Amino acid sequence: MFTLDQARNFIVVAEELHFGRAAQRLRMTQPPLSRQIQKLERTLGVELLERDNRHVALTAAGRAFLVEARKLVVAADRAPLTARRIAAGRAGTLRIGFTAASGFSLLGPLLAEIGAALPDVDVDLQELVTHQQLQALQDGDLDLGLVRPLFDTAVFDSRLLLAENLCVAAPSGHALTALGRPVTSADLTDIPLIMHSPTTARYFYDHVVRLVEVEHRNVVHTVSQVVTMVALVAAGHGVAFVPGSARRLGLEGVRYLPLAGSTPEAVQLHAAWNREVQNPVLHRLLELVRSLGNDLPPHAPVIPTEHDAIP
């Protein structure tokens, strides 16, 4: 097997096509350089150079080997730096799970922070509901999850990234938009409701039923994703209970109204990770998460726009 030194020496000879100049670049004398190239050729079993007293030229095999030798030397030179960067958490892959709702609230700012602070880290995104993320974190298939509480704090560590209100999304022009006050259970009598699934969207479902006396005969649709709910509201199918950040979807024909009893910190989103994870990139990210600035404050209630404010 040939050595990296032989490959480096051959590259210089191939670039100079002159053993004397190549030897000067390598800071060695010509005879040992010639012996190195001859030994390389014997190892490979092919002639890399055509040479006589007047000129040196690459053979076809030499041209092909030059391409691969350059790749090999570059990779060899880069390998120690890559290993050090990965060990320090400055390079590698970070697998992040996120819910659909976090996709339009804080995923974008978080990725921007990662891109700025860890530019050499590859991010692998997976859209999963909370219980799927927690299972993937426990199995080692994810490094970080953007999840809803509650979860086992003995297994997972976490940081609260976003806290916001729960509000009522209603079609523009709906009778609820003229109330001039927060919406109550009594206001929702006989109004078609678009509800969260009690299985795949249990976190939101539990919040709603704690605040509202839901008449199940009024439930016209049961869905899992906030985006779907808001789209159904815009189409006039009913009203829905959504986090305040749903305003950022920008769908026309929807008004967001305050819900009686909902606090600015009713709906929470956490960054969660397995306490036993060993990925150095994750530990660098956790330093970033713990020191996030105004883009991702730990408590971020969404302020109504002038179009959503109570008259």
Foldseek 3Di string as FASTA:
>chain_A
DADLVLLVLLLLCQVVQDQCVSCVVVVHHRPVSVVSPVVVCVVVVHDQWDDDPPTIHGDPVVVVSSVVSVVVNVCVVCVVVVVVCQLQLLAEEAEEEEEPLCVLPAPVVLVVLCCVPRVRYHYHYDYDAAVVVVVCQVVVNHFKYWYFDDDDCVFKDKAWFEFAWKWKKAFPPDPVLQPLDADAQVNCVLFAEEEEDCPRQVLRRVLDVVGHVDDVVRHPHYYHHPVVQNVCRQVVRTMYIGTPSVVSVVDPRIEIGHHPPIDGRSTTIMIMHTPPDDRSNSVVSVVCVVPPDDSGDSYDYDDDDPRRDRD
